[in-house]
Amino acid sequence: MGVIRVHEFTTLDGVIDAPTWSFEFPFDPKMGEAIAEIMGGCQAILLGRNTFEMFAPAWSKRTATEDPGAPFMNDTRKFVVATRSPSVEWNNSSVIGPYDPSAIRRLKEQVDGSIYVSGSGTLVRALLSDGLVDDLHLFVYPVAIGHGPRLFADGGPSTKLELMTCHAYTNGVVHLGYRPTAG
């Protein structure tokens, strides 16, 4: 049975919008190692339509020489949660339809290995609300921007998490790895 592993870049105040705010912080190679570890063992990628449409043009043209994550992003089977088909194509991609927790549970049963999710804020909020996230990895950047969509929106359900891992990087980013916990 598949395990859903979520990776998000976020600000101190929880904003997860397109992370252009991360550009002012040099990427620490240790972060890349941590992200590669999160991707390790993943046999599928699950994305919301908006993130898919942002990722497809950027990743589909990258090579392993340019980015060591390119083979994973391009060769791995991708499932897109969408009410309408994405406006772009990307190899090994299929639309599974609008968000439906039972469809995600079936996907978890079909995938032998982990399922990687990056970005896709609306999807991740729904997955968390329905108890479908197994690992949540937040890369918290040392900046608060005061506006934008947040992973944990006002009025959302209470979510309890247990810390699995914590690493600080030279650029000020902190990786917090959690698993949901009952009670």
N, C-alpha and C. Protein backbone atom coordinates (compact mmCIF):
# COMPACT_ATOMS: atom_id res chain seq x y z
N MET A 1 0.84 -1.19 0.00
CA MET A 1 0.00 0.00 0.00
C MET A 1 0.88 1.24 0.00
N GLY A 2 0.51 2.20 -0.79
CA GLY A 2 1.27 3.44 -0.91
C GLY A 2 1.14 4.34 0.31
N VAL A 3 2.15 5.15 0.48
CA VAL A 3 2.23 6.12 1.56
C VAL A 3 2.32 7.49 0.91
N ILE A 4 1.53 8.44 1.33
CA ILE A 4 1.59 9.79 0.75
C ILE A 4 2.58 10.62 1.54
N ARG A 5 3.60 11.11 0.80
CA ARG A 5 4.67 11.93 1.38
C ARG A 5 4.58 13.33 0.76
N VAL A 6 4.26 14.31 1.57
CA VAL A 6 4.08 15.70 1.11
C VAL A 6 5.32 16.52 1.42
N HIS A 7 5.72 17.33 0.46
CA HIS A 7 6.86 18.25 0.59
C HIS A 7 6.36 19.65 0.24
N GLU A 8 6.55 20.60 1.15
CA GLU A 8 6.13 21.99 0.91
C GLU A 8 7.23 22.95 1.30
N PHE A 9 7.40 24.00 0.51
CA PHE A 9 8.18 25.16 0.91
C PHE A 9 7.19 26.14 1.51
N THR A 10 7.51 26.70 2.68
CA THR A 10 6.59 27.61 3.36
C THR A 10 7.37 28.74 4.03
N THR A 11 6.68 29.84 4.25
CA THR A 11 7.26 30.95 5.01
C THR A 11 6.99 30.72 6.49
N LEU A 12 7.61 31.53 7.34
CA LEU A 12 7.35 31.43 8.77
C LEU A 12 5.88 31.62 9.12
N ASP A 13 5.18 32.45 8.31
CA ASP A 13 3.77 32.68 8.58
C ASP A 13 2.87 31.73 7.79
N GLY A 14 3.45 30.64 7.24
CA GLY A 14 2.66 29.57 6.66
C GLY A 14 2.24 29.71 5.21
N VAL A 15 2.74 30.74 4.51
CA VAL A 15 2.37 30.94 3.12
C VAL A 15 3.06 29.89 2.25
N ILE A 16 2.28 29.26 1.36
CA ILE A 16 2.82 28.24 0.47
C ILE A 16 2.61 28.59 -1.00
N ASP A 17 2.21 29.81 -1.28
CA ASP A 17 2.00 30.26 -2.65
C ASP A 17 3.28 30.05 -3.45
N ALA A 18 3.21 30.14 -4.77
CA ALA A 18 4.39 29.97 -5.64
C ALA A 18 5.59 30.60 -4.95
N PRO A 19 6.57 29.79 -4.56
CA PRO A 19 7.62 30.26 -3.65
C PRO A 19 8.72 31.11 -4.28
N THR A 20 8.34 32.17 -4.96
CA THR A 20 9.35 33.09 -5.49
C THR A 20 10.11 33.76 -4.35
N TRP A 21 9.49 33.84 -3.18
CA TRP A 21 10.15 34.42 -2.00
C TRP A 21 11.34 33.58 -1.56
N SER A 22 11.44 32.34 -2.03
CA SER A 22 12.57 31.49 -1.63
C SER A 22 13.85 31.83 -2.40
N PHE A 23 13.73 32.57 -3.51
CA PHE A 23 14.88 32.84 -4.37
C PHE A 23 15.99 33.63 -3.69
N GLU A 24 15.64 34.43 -2.70
CA GLU A 24 16.68 35.23 -2.04
C GLU A 24 17.53 34.42 -1.05
N PHE A 25 17.18 33.16 -0.87
CA PHE A 25 17.94 32.30 0.03
C PHE A 25 18.67 31.25 -0.80
N PRO A 26 20.00 31.28 -0.80
CA PRO A 26 20.74 30.31 -1.62
C PRO A 26 20.34 28.88 -1.25
N PHE A 27 20.16 28.04 -2.25
CA PHE A 27 19.75 26.66 -2.02
C PHE A 27 20.91 25.88 -1.42
N ASP A 28 20.71 25.34 -0.23
CA ASP A 28 21.72 24.54 0.45
C ASP A 28 21.68 23.12 -0.12
N PRO A 29 22.80 22.58 -0.59
CA PRO A 29 22.81 21.22 -1.14
C PRO A 29 22.24 20.17 -0.18
N LYS A 30 22.35 20.41 1.12
CA LYS A 30 21.79 19.48 2.10
C LYS A 30 20.25 19.43 1.99
N MET A 31 19.64 20.54 1.55
CA MET A 31 18.20 20.54 1.31
C MET A 31 17.87 19.60 0.16
N GLY A 32 18.69 19.67 -0.88
CA GLY A 32 18.49 18.76 -2.01
C GLY A 32 18.59 17.31 -1.60
N GLU A 33 19.52 17.02 -0.72
CA GLU A 33 19.66 15.64 -0.21
C GLU A 33 18.41 15.23 0.56
N ALA A 34 17.87 16.15 1.36
CA ALA A 34 16.67 15.84 2.14
C ALA A 34 15.47 15.62 1.21
N ILE A 35 15.35 16.44 0.18
CA ILE A 35 14.24 16.29 -0.76
C ILE A 35 14.39 14.97 -1.53
N ALA A 36 15.62 14.65 -1.92
CA ALA A 36 15.86 13.37 -2.60
C ALA A 36 15.48 12.20 -1.70
N GLU A 37 15.73 12.33 -0.42
CA GLU A 37 15.35 11.28 0.53
C GLU A 37 13.84 11.14 0.61
N ILE A 38 13.13 12.27 0.59
CA ILE A 38 11.66 12.25 0.61
C ILE A 38 11.14 11.55 -0.64
N MET A 39 11.76 11.85 -1.79
CA MET A 39 11.35 11.24 -3.06
C MET A 39 11.72 9.76 -3.13
N GLY A 40 12.74 9.37 -2.37
CA GLY A 40 13.23 7.99 -2.42
C GLY A 40 12.12 7.00 -2.13
N GLY A 41 12.04 5.99 -2.93
CA GLY A 41 11.01 4.97 -2.75
C GLY A 41 9.65 5.36 -3.30
N CYS A 42 9.53 6.60 -3.79
CA CYS A 42 8.25 7.02 -4.37
C CYS A 42 8.11 6.43 -5.76
N GLN A 43 6.96 5.85 -6.01
CA GLN A 43 6.66 5.24 -7.30
C GLN A 43 5.65 6.04 -8.09
N ALA A 44 5.15 7.13 -7.51
CA ALA A 44 4.16 7.96 -8.18
C ALA A 44 4.23 9.37 -7.63
N ILE A 45 3.71 10.30 -8.42
CA ILE A 45 3.60 11.71 -8.04
C ILE A 45 2.13 12.07 -8.13
N LEU A 46 1.63 12.75 -7.12
CA LEU A 46 0.24 13.21 -7.07
C LEU A 46 0.26 14.73 -7.00
N LEU A 47 -0.43 15.37 -7.93
CA LEU A 47 -0.43 16.83 -7.99
C LEU A 47 -1.83 17.36 -8.24
N GLY A 48 -2.08 18.58 -7.76
CA GLY A 48 -3.27 19.30 -8.16
C GLY A 48 -3.03 19.90 -9.54
N ARG A 49 -4.10 20.28 -10.22
CA ARG A 49 -3.98 20.79 -11.60
C ARG A 49 -3.11 22.03 -11.70
N ASN A 50 -3.28 23.00 -10.81
CA ASN A 50 -2.48 24.23 -10.91
C ASN A 50 -0.99 23.94 -10.78
N THR A 51 -0.61 23.13 -9.80
CA THR A 51 0.80 22.80 -9.62
C THR A 51 1.30 22.00 -10.82
N PHE A 52 0.50 21.07 -11.31
CA PHE A 52 0.88 20.31 -12.49
C PHE A 52 1.18 21.26 -13.65
N GLU A 53 0.30 22.24 -13.86
CA GLU A 53 0.49 23.18 -14.97
C GLU A 53 1.70 24.08 -14.78
N MET A 54 2.13 24.31 -13.53
CA MET A 54 3.36 25.07 -13.29
C MET A 54 4.59 24.17 -13.44
N PHE A 55 4.50 22.94 -12.95
CA PHE A 55 5.64 22.03 -12.98
C PHE A 55 5.95 21.50 -14.38
N ALA A 56 4.93 21.16 -15.15
CA ALA A 56 5.13 20.49 -16.44
C ALA A 56 6.09 21.25 -17.36
N PRO A 57 5.87 22.53 -17.63
CA PRO A 57 6.80 23.22 -18.54
C PRO A 57 8.20 23.36 -17.95
N ALA A 58 8.29 23.50 -16.64
CA ALA A 58 9.60 23.69 -16.00
C ALA A 58 10.38 22.38 -15.95
N TRP A 59 9.75 21.31 -15.51
CA TRP A 59 10.45 20.04 -15.32
C TRP A 59 10.65 19.26 -16.61
N SER A 60 9.68 19.29 -17.52
CA SER A 60 9.75 18.44 -18.70
C SER A 60 10.94 18.74 -19.60
N LYS A 61 11.50 19.93 -19.48
CA LYS A 61 12.65 20.32 -20.30
C LYS A 61 13.98 20.15 -19.57
N ARG A 62 13.96 19.85 -18.28
CA ARG A 62 15.19 19.69 -17.50
C ARG A 62 15.81 18.32 -17.71
N THR A 63 17.12 18.31 -17.64
CA THR A 63 17.85 17.05 -17.74
C THR A 63 18.51 16.75 -16.40
N ALA A 64 19.01 15.54 -16.27
CA ALA A 64 19.71 15.15 -15.04
C ALA A 64 20.94 16.00 -14.83
N THR A 65 21.57 16.45 -15.91
CA THR A 65 22.75 17.32 -15.80
C THR A 65 22.37 18.66 -15.16
N GLU A 66 21.21 19.19 -15.52
CA GLU A 66 20.75 20.47 -14.99
C GLU A 66 20.21 20.36 -13.57
N ASP A 67 19.56 19.23 -13.29
CA ASP A 67 18.93 19.05 -11.99
C ASP A 67 18.83 17.55 -11.71
N PRO A 68 19.45 17.07 -10.63
CA PRO A 68 19.41 15.63 -10.37
C PRO A 68 18.00 15.09 -10.12
N GLY A 69 17.04 15.95 -9.84
CA GLY A 69 15.66 15.50 -9.63
C GLY A 69 14.88 15.33 -10.91
N ALA A 70 15.44 15.77 -12.04
CA ALA A 70 14.71 15.72 -13.32
C ALA A 70 14.27 14.31 -13.73
N PRO A 71 15.13 13.30 -13.64
CA PRO A 71 14.66 11.97 -14.04
C PRO A 71 13.46 11.50 -13.21
N PHE A 72 13.50 11.73 -11.91
CA PHE A 72 12.36 11.34 -11.07
C PHE A 72 11.10 12.08 -11.51
N MET A 73 11.19 13.40 -11.65
CA MET A 73 10.01 14.19 -11.99
C MET A 73 9.47 13.84 -13.38
N ASN A 74 10.34 13.53 -14.31
CA ASN A 74 9.89 13.28 -15.68
C ASN A 74 9.51 11.83 -15.94
N ASP A 75 10.18 10.89 -15.32
CA ASP A 75 9.95 9.47 -15.63
C ASP A 75 8.90 8.81 -14.74
N THR A 76 8.64 9.37 -13.58
CA THR A 76 7.70 8.77 -12.63
C THR A 76 6.27 9.00 -13.10
N ARG A 77 5.41 8.04 -12.84
CA ARG A 77 3.99 8.18 -13.18
C ARG A 77 3.38 9.30 -12.36
N LYS A 78 2.63 10.17 -13.04
CA LYS A 78 2.02 11.32 -12.39
C LYS A 78 0.49 11.21 -12.45
N PHE A 79 -0.15 11.50 -11.32
CA PHE A 79 -1.61 11.51 -11.23
C PHE A 79 -2.03 12.92 -10.88
N VAL A 80 -3.00 13.44 -11.63
CA VAL A 80 -3.44 14.82 -11.45
C VAL A 80 -4.88 14.84 -10.96
N VAL A 81 -5.10 15.52 -9.85
CA VAL A 81 -6.44 15.71 -9.33
C VAL A 81 -6.97 16.99 -9.97
N ALA A 82 -8.01 16.84 -10.79
CA ALA A 82 -8.51 18.01 -11.53
C ALA A 82 -9.94 17.76 -11.99
N THR A 83 -10.74 18.82 -11.99
CA THR A 83 -12.09 18.73 -12.53
C THR A 83 -12.08 18.87 -14.05
N ARG A 84 -11.00 19.46 -14.58
CA ARG A 84 -10.84 19.54 -16.04
C ARG A 84 -9.40 19.20 -16.38
N SER A 85 -9.18 18.77 -17.58
CA SER A 85 -7.84 18.36 -18.00
C SER A 85 -6.89 19.54 -17.98
N PRO A 86 -5.65 19.30 -17.58
CA PRO A 86 -4.65 20.37 -17.59
C PRO A 86 -4.43 20.90 -19.00
N SER A 87 -3.97 22.15 -19.08
CA SER A 87 -3.76 22.79 -20.38
C SER A 87 -2.41 22.42 -20.99
N VAL A 88 -1.61 21.66 -20.27
CA VAL A 88 -0.30 21.24 -20.77
C VAL A 88 -0.19 19.72 -20.65
N GLU A 89 0.75 19.15 -21.40
CA GLU A 89 0.98 17.72 -21.32
C GLU A 89 2.35 17.46 -20.72
N TRP A 90 2.49 16.28 -20.10
CA TRP A 90 3.74 15.86 -19.49
C TRP A 90 3.73 14.34 -19.50
N ASN A 91 4.81 13.75 -19.94
CA ASN A 91 4.81 12.29 -20.09
C ASN A 91 4.46 11.57 -18.78
N ASN A 92 3.86 10.40 -18.93
CA ASN A 92 3.48 9.54 -17.81
C ASN A 92 2.46 10.19 -16.87
N SER A 93 1.57 11.01 -17.44
CA SER A 93 0.57 11.72 -16.61
C SER A 93 -0.84 11.26 -16.96
N SER A 94 -1.67 11.21 -15.93
CA SER A 94 -3.08 10.93 -16.15
C SER A 94 -3.91 11.70 -15.13
N VAL A 95 -5.10 12.10 -15.55
CA VAL A 95 -6.03 12.82 -14.68
C VAL A 95 -6.91 11.79 -13.98
N ILE A 96 -7.02 11.91 -12.65
CA ILE A 96 -7.86 10.96 -11.91
C ILE A 96 -9.22 11.55 -11.57
N GLY A 97 -9.47 12.79 -11.98
CA GLY A 97 -10.76 13.42 -11.76
C GLY A 97 -10.72 14.38 -10.59
N PRO A 98 -11.88 14.91 -10.22
CA PRO A 98 -11.93 15.85 -9.09
C PRO A 98 -11.55 15.14 -7.79
N TYR A 99 -11.21 15.94 -6.79
CA TYR A 99 -10.80 15.36 -5.52
C TYR A 99 -11.90 14.47 -4.95
N ASP A 100 -11.52 13.26 -4.61
CA ASP A 100 -12.42 12.29 -4.01
C ASP A 100 -11.56 11.43 -3.08
N PRO A 101 -11.77 11.51 -1.76
CA PRO A 101 -10.94 10.75 -0.83
C PRO A 101 -10.91 9.26 -1.14
N SER A 102 -12.02 8.69 -1.60
CA SER A 102 -12.02 7.25 -1.90
C SER A 102 -11.14 6.96 -3.11
N ALA A 103 -11.06 7.86 -4.08
CA ALA A 103 -10.17 7.67 -5.24
C ALA A 103 -8.71 7.73 -4.79
N ILE A 104 -8.41 8.60 -3.84
CA ILE A 104 -7.04 8.69 -3.31
C ILE A 104 -6.70 7.43 -2.53
N ARG A 105 -7.65 6.92 -1.76
CA ARG A 105 -7.41 5.66 -1.03
C ARG A 105 -7.14 4.52 -2.00
N ARG A 106 -7.92 4.47 -3.10
CA ARG A 106 -7.69 3.43 -4.12
C ARG A 106 -6.31 3.58 -4.74
N LEU A 107 -5.89 4.82 -5.01
CA LEU A 107 -4.57 5.06 -5.56
C LEU A 107 -3.50 4.56 -4.59
N LYS A 108 -3.67 4.85 -3.31
CA LYS A 108 -2.71 4.37 -2.30
C LYS A 108 -2.64 2.85 -2.30
N GLU A 109 -3.76 2.19 -2.50
CA GLU A 109 -3.78 0.72 -2.54
C GLU A 109 -3.09 0.18 -3.79
N GLN A 110 -3.17 0.91 -4.89
CA GLN A 110 -2.61 0.45 -6.17
C GLN A 110 -1.11 0.68 -6.28
N VAL A 111 -0.59 1.69 -5.59
CA VAL A 111 0.81 2.05 -5.72
C VAL A 111 1.64 1.25 -4.72
N ASP A 112 2.63 0.54 -5.24
CA ASP A 112 3.54 -0.22 -4.40
C ASP A 112 4.75 0.66 -4.11
N GLY A 113 4.68 1.43 -3.07
CA GLY A 113 5.70 2.40 -2.73
C GLY A 113 5.03 3.70 -2.34
N SER A 114 5.83 4.71 -2.13
CA SER A 114 5.30 6.00 -1.70
C SER A 114 4.81 6.83 -2.87
N ILE A 115 3.95 7.79 -2.53
CA ILE A 115 3.40 8.74 -3.50
C ILE A 115 3.87 10.12 -3.06
N TYR A 116 4.55 10.82 -3.96
CA TYR A 116 5.15 12.12 -3.67
C TYR A 116 4.20 13.25 -4.06
N VAL A 117 4.03 14.21 -3.16
CA VAL A 117 3.22 15.39 -3.43
C VAL A 117 4.07 16.62 -3.12
N SER A 118 4.10 17.57 -4.04
CA SER A 118 4.80 18.83 -3.82
C SER A 118 3.87 19.96 -4.23
N GLY A 119 3.92 21.06 -3.48
CA GLY A 119 3.01 22.16 -3.80
C GLY A 119 1.58 21.69 -3.60
N SER A 120 0.71 22.04 -4.57
CA SER A 120 -0.67 21.52 -4.58
C SER A 120 -1.41 21.82 -3.28
N GLY A 121 -1.38 23.07 -2.85
CA GLY A 121 -1.94 23.46 -1.56
C GLY A 121 -3.37 23.05 -1.32
N THR A 122 -4.25 23.25 -2.29
CA THR A 122 -5.66 22.89 -2.12
C THR A 122 -5.77 21.38 -1.92
N LEU A 123 -5.05 20.63 -2.73
CA LEU A 123 -5.06 19.18 -2.62
C LEU A 123 -4.52 18.73 -1.26
N VAL A 124 -3.40 19.31 -0.84
CA VAL A 124 -2.78 18.90 0.42
C VAL A 124 -3.69 19.22 1.60
N ARG A 125 -4.34 20.38 1.57
CA ARG A 125 -5.28 20.70 2.65
C ARG A 125 -6.38 19.64 2.73
N ALA A 126 -6.90 19.21 1.57
CA ALA A 126 -7.95 18.19 1.56
C ALA A 126 -7.41 16.84 2.04
N LEU A 127 -6.21 16.48 1.58
CA LEU A 127 -5.60 15.21 2.02
C LEU A 127 -5.40 15.19 3.54
N LEU A 128 -4.91 16.31 4.08
CA LEU A 128 -4.71 16.41 5.53
C LEU A 128 -6.05 16.29 6.26
N SER A 129 -7.05 16.99 5.77
CA SER A 129 -8.37 16.98 6.39
C SER A 129 -8.96 15.57 6.41
N ASP A 130 -8.69 14.80 5.36
CA ASP A 130 -9.24 13.45 5.26
C ASP A 130 -8.31 12.37 5.81
N GLY A 131 -7.22 12.79 6.46
CA GLY A 131 -6.31 11.84 7.09
C GLY A 131 -5.54 10.98 6.11
N LEU A 132 -5.25 11.51 4.92
CA LEU A 132 -4.59 10.72 3.88
C LEU A 132 -3.10 11.00 3.74
N VAL A 133 -2.56 11.97 4.48
CA VAL A 133 -1.13 12.27 4.43
C VAL A 133 -0.43 11.42 5.49
N ASP A 134 0.62 10.74 5.06
CA ASP A 134 1.38 9.90 5.98
C ASP A 134 2.63 10.60 6.49
N ASP A 135 3.28 11.40 5.65
CA ASP A 135 4.47 12.19 6.03
C ASP A 135 4.29 13.59 5.49
N LEU A 136 4.53 14.60 6.33
CA LEU A 136 4.44 16.00 5.93
C LEU A 136 5.80 16.65 6.18
N HIS A 137 6.45 17.09 5.10
CA HIS A 137 7.78 17.70 5.20
C HIS A 137 7.68 19.17 4.82
N LEU A 138 7.91 20.03 5.82
CA LEU A 138 7.86 21.47 5.62
C LEU A 138 9.28 22.02 5.62
N PHE A 139 9.61 22.78 4.58
CA PHE A 139 10.88 23.50 4.52
C PHE A 139 10.52 24.95 4.77
N VAL A 140 10.76 25.39 6.01
CA VAL A 140 10.31 26.69 6.49
C VAL A 140 11.41 27.73 6.24
N TYR A 141 11.09 28.72 5.42
CA TYR A 141 12.04 29.79 5.08
C TYR A 141 11.92 30.92 6.09
N PRO A 142 13.05 31.55 6.43
CA PRO A 142 13.06 32.59 7.46
C PRO A 142 12.54 33.94 6.95
N VAL A 143 11.30 33.94 6.51
CA VAL A 143 10.68 35.16 6.02
C VAL A 143 9.17 35.06 6.29
N ALA A 144 8.57 36.18 6.65
CA ALA A 144 7.12 36.27 6.79
C ALA A 144 6.65 37.30 5.78
N ILE A 145 5.71 36.94 4.93
CA ILE A 145 5.28 37.89 3.90
C ILE A 145 3.89 38.45 4.13
N GLY A 146 3.15 37.87 5.08
CA GLY A 146 1.90 38.49 5.50
C GLY A 146 0.70 38.28 4.60
N HIS A 147 0.85 37.67 3.45
CA HIS A 147 -0.31 37.47 2.56
C HIS A 147 -0.07 36.25 1.68
N GLY A 148 -1.14 35.68 1.21
CA GLY A 148 -1.05 34.53 0.33
C GLY A 148 -1.69 33.31 0.94
N PRO A 149 -1.93 32.30 0.12
CA PRO A 149 -2.54 31.08 0.63
C PRO A 149 -1.63 30.35 1.61
N ARG A 150 -2.24 29.85 2.64
CA ARG A 150 -1.50 29.14 3.70
C ARG A 150 -1.88 27.66 3.69
N LEU A 151 -0.95 26.84 4.12
CA LEU A 151 -1.22 25.41 4.18
C LEU A 151 -2.35 25.14 5.17
N PHE A 152 -2.29 25.75 6.33
CA PHE A 152 -3.33 25.59 7.33
C PHE A 152 -4.13 26.88 7.36
N ALA A 153 -5.24 26.88 6.64
CA ALA A 153 -6.05 28.08 6.48
C ALA A 153 -6.89 28.34 7.73
N ASP A 154 -7.24 29.62 7.93
CA ASP A 154 -8.14 29.97 9.01
C ASP A 154 -9.44 29.19 8.86
N GLY A 155 -9.94 28.67 9.97
CA GLY A 155 -11.19 27.94 9.95
C GLY A 155 -11.06 26.49 9.52
N GLY A 156 -9.84 26.05 9.23
CA GLY A 156 -9.63 24.65 8.83
C GLY A 156 -9.70 23.73 10.02
N PRO A 157 -9.70 22.43 9.76
CA PRO A 157 -9.79 21.47 10.87
C PRO A 157 -8.50 21.44 11.69
N SER A 158 -8.62 21.04 12.92
CA SER A 158 -7.46 20.88 13.79
C SER A 158 -6.66 19.68 13.28
N THR A 159 -5.34 19.84 13.22
CA THR A 159 -4.47 18.77 12.75
C THR A 159 -3.35 18.58 13.76
N LYS A 160 -3.24 17.38 14.30
CA LYS A 160 -2.18 17.09 15.26
C LYS A 160 -1.08 16.32 14.56
N LEU A 161 0.16 16.72 14.84
CA LEU A 161 1.31 16.13 14.16
C LEU A 161 2.37 15.73 15.16
N GLU A 162 3.14 14.70 14.80
CA GLU A 162 4.26 14.25 15.61
C GLU A 162 5.54 14.51 14.83
N LEU A 163 6.52 15.17 15.46
CA LEU A 163 7.78 15.48 14.81
C LEU A 163 8.60 14.21 14.59
N MET A 164 9.02 13.98 13.34
CA MET A 164 9.87 12.83 12.99
C MET A 164 11.32 13.26 12.81
N THR A 165 11.50 14.46 12.22
CA THR A 165 12.85 14.92 11.92
C THR A 165 12.89 16.44 11.91
N CYS A 166 14.07 16.98 12.17
CA CYS A 166 14.26 18.43 12.16
C CYS A 166 15.71 18.72 11.79
N HIS A 167 15.89 19.54 10.76
CA HIS A 167 17.24 19.92 10.32
C HIS A 167 17.27 21.40 10.00
N ALA A 168 18.32 22.07 10.40
CA ALA A 168 18.53 23.48 10.05
C ALA A 168 19.64 23.54 9.01
N TYR A 169 19.47 24.44 8.04
CA TYR A 169 20.44 24.58 6.95
C TYR A 169 21.15 25.92 7.03
N THR A 170 22.26 26.04 6.34
CA THR A 170 23.10 27.24 6.40
C THR A 170 22.37 28.48 5.87
N ASN A 171 21.35 28.32 5.05
CA ASN A 171 20.62 29.46 4.51
C ASN A 171 19.48 29.92 5.42
N GLY A 172 19.34 29.31 6.60
CA GLY A 172 18.31 29.70 7.55
C GLY A 172 17.02 28.89 7.44
N VAL A 173 16.92 28.05 6.44
CA VAL A 173 15.74 27.21 6.26
C VAL A 173 15.79 26.06 7.27
N VAL A 174 14.61 25.68 7.75
CA VAL A 174 14.49 24.56 8.68
C VAL A 174 13.56 23.53 8.05
N HIS A 175 13.98 22.28 8.03
CA HIS A 175 13.15 21.16 7.54
C HIS A 175 12.50 20.50 8.75
N LEU A 176 11.20 20.51 8.76
CA LEU A 176 10.42 19.86 9.82
C LEU A 176 9.64 18.72 9.19
N GLY A 177 9.93 17.51 9.61
CA GLY A 177 9.22 16.33 9.08
C GLY A 177 8.25 15.81 10.12
N TYR A 178 6.99 15.71 9.75
CA TYR A 178 5.94 15.29 10.68
C TYR A 178 5.17 14.09 10.14
N ARG A 179 4.53 13.41 11.05
CA ARG A 179 3.51 12.43 10.68
C ARG A 179 2.27 12.79 11.49
N PRO A 180 1.11 12.66 10.87
CA PRO A 180 -0.12 12.92 11.62
C PRO A 180 -0.25 11.93 12.77
N THR A 181 -0.87 12.39 13.83
CA THR A 181 -1.08 11.55 15.00
C THR A 181 -2.53 11.67 15.43
N ALA A 182 -3.06 10.63 15.97
CA ALA A 182 -4.44 10.66 16.46
C ALA A 182 -4.49 11.32 17.83
N GLY A 183 -5.62 11.90 18.12
CA GLY A 183 -5.85 12.45 19.45
C GLY A 183 -5.19 13.71 19.62
